[in-house]
Amino acid sequence: MEDIKIRSTLEEDFVEIADLAENCSPMETERNSIYHIFTKFFRSTSFVAELPSGELGGFILGFISQENPEEAYIHLLCVDPKMRGKHVGRKLVERFADEAVLKECKKIYLITKPVNWNSISFYKKLGFLEDKSRETINILGTNAVKNYNGMGQHMVVFYKLIG
């Protein structure tokens, strides 16, 4: 396996992150300004997987809650399709979790679409649990929080206890 370096984002990484995100279906892409915000203001909790060539093999963008500093949130995880199956996603999530523990977080949250079975399976393998504390709706055998992101936008909400 290639020698992959997991490092904090640099502000200028946002352009390459935006380009990589275009190839990370079924993940929805963001405006470039969102990627820029994460690489500028959330560098300590946003990471890239840098390949020996200098190209990015993946990224994770997250933050610590300002309302509850014991909670962290993973906003986006993207692995280059050519790098999938090589533990890049796992390494990025583990690096994020390690940083969250250093910042005294106790829980990590994230959401995914109920039809993104690869994502659901991946997070379950990493020990994330479905949050069923709110009203859920069954979508093709998956429990999603009803209207989580607005009317008709049901999402699977995951959490993991850390630290």
C-alpha atoms as a PDB file:
ATOM      1  CA  MET A   1       0.000   0.000   0.000  1.00  0.00           C
ATOM      2  CA  GLU A   2       1.142   3.512  -0.743  1.00  0.00           C
ATOM      3  CA  ASP A   3       2.607   5.599   2.062  1.00  0.00           C
ATOM      4  CA  ILE A   4      -0.291   7.918   2.874  1.00  0.00           C
ATOM      5  CA  LYS A   5       0.233  10.923   5.122  1.00  0.00           C
ATOM      6  CA  ILE A   6      -2.740  12.174   7.144  1.00  0.00           C
ATOM      7  CA  ARG A   7      -2.260  15.865   7.857  1.00  0.00           C
ATOM      8  CA  SER A   8      -4.277  18.908   8.867  1.00  0.00           C
ATOM      9  CA  THR A   9      -5.648  20.903   5.993  1.00  0.00           C
ATOM     10  CA  LEU A  10      -3.894  23.973   4.681  1.00  0.00           C
ATOM     11  CA  GLU A  11      -6.011  26.887   3.591  1.00  0.00           C
ATOM     12  CA  GLU A  12      -5.025  26.414  -0.050  1.00  0.00           C
ATOM     13  CA  ASP A  13      -6.172  22.747   0.020  1.00  0.00           C
ATOM     14  CA  PHE A  14      -9.757  23.878  -0.533  1.00  0.00           C
ATOM     15  CA  VAL A  15      -9.343  23.972  -4.333  1.00  0.00           C
ATOM     16  CA  GLU A  16      -8.074  20.381  -4.543  1.00  0.00           C
ATOM     17  CA  ILE A  17     -10.688  19.291  -1.984  1.00  0.00           C
ATOM     18  CA  ALA A  18     -13.424  20.809  -4.159  1.00  0.00           C
ATOM     19  CA  ASP A  19     -12.059  18.998  -7.220  1.00  0.00           C
ATOM     20  CA  LEU A  20     -11.901  15.677  -5.361  1.00  0.00           C
ATOM     21  CA  ALA A  21     -15.426  16.130  -4.006  1.00  0.00           C
ATOM     22  CA  GLU A  22     -16.740  16.228  -7.580  1.00  0.00           C
ATOM     23  CA  ASN A  23     -15.687  12.550  -7.900  1.00  0.00           C
ATOM     24  CA  CYS A  24     -17.058  11.363  -4.551  1.00  0.00           C
ATOM     25  CA  SER A  25     -20.524  10.297  -5.576  1.00  0.00           C
ATOM     26  CA  PRO A  26     -23.000   9.851  -3.925  1.00  0.00           C
ATOM     27  CA  MET A  27     -21.748  12.607  -1.597  1.00  0.00           C
ATOM     28  CA  GLU A  28     -23.287  15.968  -2.368  1.00  0.00           C
ATOM     29  CA  THR A  29     -20.785  18.644  -3.225  1.00  0.00           C
ATOM     30  CA  GLU A  30     -20.640  22.014  -1.534  1.00  0.00           C
ATOM     31  CA  ARG A  31     -19.885  25.503  -2.802  1.00  0.00           C
ATOM     32  CA  ASN A  32     -16.127  26.109  -2.836  1.00  0.00           C
ATOM     33  CA  SER A  33     -16.605  28.679  -0.082  1.00  0.00           C
ATOM     34  CA  ILE A  34     -17.695  25.918   2.316  1.00  0.00           C
ATOM     35  CA  TYR A  35     -14.500  23.950   1.677  1.00  0.00           C
ATOM     36  CA  HIS A  36     -12.546  27.171   2.102  1.00  0.00           C
ATOM     37  CA  ILE A  37     -14.224  27.878   5.457  1.00  0.00           C
ATOM     38  CA  PHE A  38     -13.191  24.453   6.753  1.00  0.00           C
ATOM     39  CA  THR A  39      -9.577  24.715   5.524  1.00  0.00           C
ATOM     40  CA  LYS A  40      -9.225  28.202   7.000  1.00  0.00           C
ATOM     41  CA  PHE A  41     -11.222  28.122  10.247  1.00  0.00           C
ATOM     42  CA  PHE A  42     -11.437  24.422  11.192  1.00  0.00           C
ATOM     43  CA  ARG A  43      -7.925  23.247  10.299  1.00  0.00           C
ATOM     44  CA  SER A  44      -7.373  21.456  13.598  1.00  0.00           C
ATOM     45  CA  THR A  45     -10.343  19.173  12.912  1.00  0.00           C
ATOM     46  CA  SER A  46     -10.120  18.863   9.119  1.00  0.00           C
ATOM     47  CA  PHE A  47      -7.628  16.513   7.524  1.00  0.00           C
ATOM     48  CA  VAL A  48      -6.426  15.289   4.151  1.00  0.00           C
ATOM     49  CA  ALA A  49      -4.847  12.020   3.072  1.00  0.00           C
ATOM     50  CA  GLU A  50      -1.828  13.071   1.040  1.00  0.00           C
ATOM     51  CA  LEU A  51      -0.341  10.560  -1.379  1.00  0.00           C
ATOM     52  CA  PRO A  52       3.423  10.370  -2.060  1.00  0.00           C
ATOM     53  CA  SER A  53       2.716  12.159  -5.362  1.00  0.00           C
ATOM     54  CA  GLY A  54       1.353  15.131  -3.394  1.00  0.00           C
ATOM     55  CA  GLU A  55      -2.190  14.500  -4.647  1.00  0.00           C
ATOM     56  CA  LEU A  56      -5.043  14.121  -2.179  1.00  0.00           C
ATOM     57  CA  GLY A  57      -6.481  10.650  -1.731  1.00  0.00           C
ATOM     58  CA  GLY A  58      -9.272  11.850   0.539  1.00  0.00           C
ATOM     59  CA  PHE A  59     -10.392  14.372   3.116  1.00  0.00           C
ATOM     60  CA  ILE A  60     -12.488  14.750   6.236  1.00  0.00           C
ATOM     61  CA  LEU A  61     -14.019  18.055   7.290  1.00  0.00           C
ATOM     62  CA  GLY A  62     -15.336  18.435  10.814  1.00  0.00           C
ATOM     63  CA  PHE A  63     -15.553  20.651  13.841  1.00  0.00           C
ATOM     64  CA  ILE A  64     -16.114  20.795  17.577  1.00  0.00           C
ATOM     65  CA  SER A  65     -19.502  22.101  18.647  1.00  0.00           C
ATOM     66  CA  GLN A  66     -19.416  25.636  19.989  1.00  0.00           C
ATOM     67  CA  GLU A  67     -22.639  24.962  21.905  1.00  0.00           C
ATOM     68  CA  ASN A  68     -21.449  21.718  23.486  1.00  0.00           C
ATOM     69  CA  PRO A  69     -17.643  21.329  23.363  1.00  0.00           C
ATOM     70  CA  GLU A  70     -17.972  17.652  24.303  1.00  0.00           C
ATOM     71  CA  GLU A  71     -19.493  16.958  20.865  1.00  0.00           C
ATOM     72  CA  ALA A  72     -17.780  16.857  17.494  1.00  0.00           C
ATOM     73  CA  TYR A  73     -19.331  16.625  14.047  1.00  0.00           C
ATOM     74  CA  ILE A  74     -18.033  15.122  10.821  1.00  0.00           C
ATOM     75  CA  HIS A  75     -19.466  17.225   8.007  1.00  0.00           C
ATOM     76  CA  LEU A  76     -17.915  15.441   5.020  1.00  0.00           C
ATOM     77  CA  LEU A  77     -15.744  12.413   4.373  1.00  0.00           C
ATOM     78  CA  CYS A  78     -14.551  11.788   0.840  1.00  0.00           C
ATOM     79  CA  VAL A  79     -12.150   9.162  -0.472  1.00  0.00           C
ATOM     80  CA  ASP A  80     -10.925   9.212  -4.051  1.00  0.00           C
ATOM     81  CA  PRO A  81     -12.615   6.271  -5.830  1.00  0.00           C
ATOM     82  CA  LYS A  82      -9.152   4.957  -6.803  1.00  0.00           C
ATOM     83  CA  MET A  83      -8.180   4.835  -3.118  1.00  0.00           C
ATOM     84  CA  ARG A  84     -11.277   3.107  -1.763  1.00  0.00           C
ATOM     85  CA  GLY A  85     -10.669  -0.191  -0.009  1.00  0.00           C
ATOM     86  CA  LYS A  86      -7.203   0.947   1.122  1.00  0.00           C
ATOM     87  CA  HIS A  87      -8.252   2.138   4.611  1.00  0.00           C
ATOM     88  CA  VAL A  88      -7.971   5.834   3.727  1.00  0.00           C
ATOM     89  CA  GLY A  89     -11.450   6.598   5.089  1.00  0.00           C
ATOM     90  CA  ARG A  90     -10.735   4.677   8.285  1.00  0.00           C
ATOM     91  CA  LYS A  91      -7.464   6.554   8.812  1.00  0.00           C
ATOM     92  CA  LEU A  92      -9.162   9.913   8.289  1.00  0.00           C
ATOM     93  CA  VAL A  93     -11.975   9.120  10.739  1.00  0.00           C
ATOM     94  CA  GLU A  94      -9.487   7.789  13.298  1.00  0.00           C
ATOM     95  CA  ARG A  95      -7.370  10.956  12.994  1.00  0.00           C
ATOM     96  CA  PHE A  96     -10.467  13.115  13.467  1.00  0.00           C
ATOM     97  CA  ALA A  97     -11.502  11.043  16.505  1.00  0.00           C
ATOM     98  CA  ASP A  98      -7.998  11.292  17.998  1.00  0.00           C
ATOM     99  CA  GLU A  99      -8.117  15.083  17.686  1.00  0.00           C
ATOM    100  CA  ALA A 100     -11.612  15.194  19.174  1.00  0.00           C
ATOM    101  CA  VAL A 101     -10.412  13.189  22.182  1.00  0.00           C
ATOM    102  CA  LEU A 102      -7.474  15.585  22.629  1.00  0.00           C
ATOM    103  CA  LYS A 103     -10.014  18.411  22.676  1.00  0.00           C
ATOM    104  CA  GLU A 104     -11.964  16.523  25.389  1.00  0.00           C
ATOM    105  CA  CYS A 105     -14.926  15.555  23.220  1.00  0.00           C
ATOM    106  CA  LYS A 106     -17.059  12.628  24.326  1.00  0.00           C
ATOM    107  CA  LYS A 107     -19.178  12.040  21.241  1.00  0.00           C
ATOM    108  CA  ILE A 108     -18.895  12.330  17.459  1.00  0.00           C
ATOM    109  CA  TYR A 109     -21.949  12.850  15.260  1.00  0.00           C
ATOM    110  CA  LEU A 110     -22.438  12.594  11.518  1.00  0.00           C
ATOM    111  CA  ILE A 111     -25.285  12.118   9.069  1.00  0.00           C
ATOM    112  CA  THR A 112     -25.696  10.244   5.809  1.00  0.00           C
ATOM    113  CA  LYS A 113     -28.456   9.582   3.345  1.00  0.00           C
ATOM    114  CA  PRO A 114     -30.520   6.458   4.035  1.00  0.00           C
ATOM    115  CA  VAL A 115     -29.812   5.136   0.523  1.00  0.00           C
ATOM    116  CA  ASN A 116     -26.027   5.430   0.920  1.00  0.00           C
ATOM    117  CA  TRP A 117     -25.547   1.823   2.008  1.00  0.00           C
ATOM    118  CA  ASN A 118     -21.760   1.894   1.558  1.00  0.00           C
ATOM    119  CA  SER A 119     -21.491   4.827   3.960  1.00  0.00           C
ATOM    120  CA  ILE A 120     -23.883   3.251   6.452  1.00  0.00           C
ATOM    121  CA  SER A 121     -21.951  -0.023   6.412  1.00  0.00           C
ATOM    122  CA  PHE A 122     -18.608   1.800   6.716  1.00  0.00           C
ATOM    123  CA  TYR A 123     -19.626   3.819   9.758  1.00  0.00           C
ATOM    124  CA  LYS A 124     -21.173   0.796  11.469  1.00  0.00           C
ATOM    125  CA  LYS A 125     -17.888  -1.099  10.988  1.00  0.00           C
ATOM    126  CA  LEU A 126     -16.133   1.788  12.736  1.00  0.00           C
ATOM    127  CA  GLY A 127     -18.452   1.465  15.731  1.00  0.00           C
ATOM    128  CA  PHE A 128     -20.882   4.290  15.001  1.00  0.00           C
ATOM    129  CA  LEU A 129     -24.451   3.725  16.203  1.00  0.00           C
ATOM    130  CA  GLU A 130     -27.713   4.979  14.766  1.00  0.00           C
ATOM    131  CA  ASP A 131     -29.302   7.723  16.846  1.00  0.00           C
ATOM    132  CA  LYS A 132     -32.879   6.619  17.383  1.00  0.00           C
ATOM    133  CA  SER A 133     -33.743   9.216  20.011  1.00  0.00           C
ATOM    134  CA  ARG A 134     -35.931  11.118  17.534  1.00  0.00           C
ATOM    135  CA  GLU A 135     -38.795  10.052  15.311  1.00  0.00           C
ATOM    136  CA  THR A 136     -37.468   7.732  12.611  1.00  0.00           C
ATOM    137  CA  ILE A 137     -38.832   6.491   9.328  1.00  0.00           C
ATOM    138  CA  ASN A 138     -37.888   3.192   7.682  1.00  0.00           C
ATOM    139  CA  ILE A 139     -36.466   3.712   4.205  1.00  0.00           C
ATOM    140  CA  LEU A 140     -35.537   0.508   2.387  1.00  0.00           C
ATOM    141  CA  GLY A 141     -34.691  -1.185   5.687  1.00  0.00           C
ATOM    142  CA  THR A 142     -32.738   1.739   7.119  1.00  0.00           C
ATOM    143  CA  ASN A 143     -33.907   3.870  10.041  1.00  0.00           C
ATOM    144  CA  ALA A 144     -33.601   7.570   9.227  1.00  0.00           C
ATOM    145  CA  VAL A 145     -34.532  10.550  11.356  1.00  0.00           C
ATOM    146  CA  LYS A 146     -37.680  11.921   9.784  1.00  0.00           C
ATOM    147  CA  ASN A 147     -37.327  15.374   8.187  1.00  0.00           C
ATOM    148  CA  TYR A 148     -33.868  15.827   9.748  1.00  0.00           C
ATOM    149  CA  ASN A 149     -32.723  18.349   7.133  1.00  0.00           C
ATOM    150  CA  GLY A 150     -36.173  19.725   6.355  1.00  0.00           C
ATOM    151  CA  MET A 151     -39.421  18.376   4.994  1.00  0.00           C
ATOM    152  CA  GLY A 152     -38.814  15.078   3.218  1.00  0.00           C
ATOM    153  CA  GLN A 153     -35.058  15.160   3.848  1.00  0.00           C
ATOM    154  CA  HIS A 154     -34.662  12.130   6.076  1.00  0.00           C
ATOM    155  CA  MET A 155     -31.132  11.322   7.259  1.00  0.00           C
ATOM    156  CA  VAL A 156     -29.431   8.535   9.157  1.00  0.00           C
ATOM    157  CA  VAL A 157     -27.868  10.167  12.227  1.00  0.00           C
ATOM    158  CA  PHE A 158     -24.874   8.352  13.640  1.00  0.00           C
ATOM    159  CA  TYR A 159     -22.926   8.899  16.833  1.00  0.00           C
ATOM    160  CA  LYS A 160     -19.951   7.315  18.508  1.00  0.00           C
ATOM    161  CA  LEU A 161     -18.832   7.661  22.113  1.00  0.00           C
ATOM    162  CA  ILE A 162     -15.128   8.455  22.370  1.00  0.00           C
ATOM    163  CA  GLY A 163     -12.551   9.241  25.018  1.00  0.00           C
END
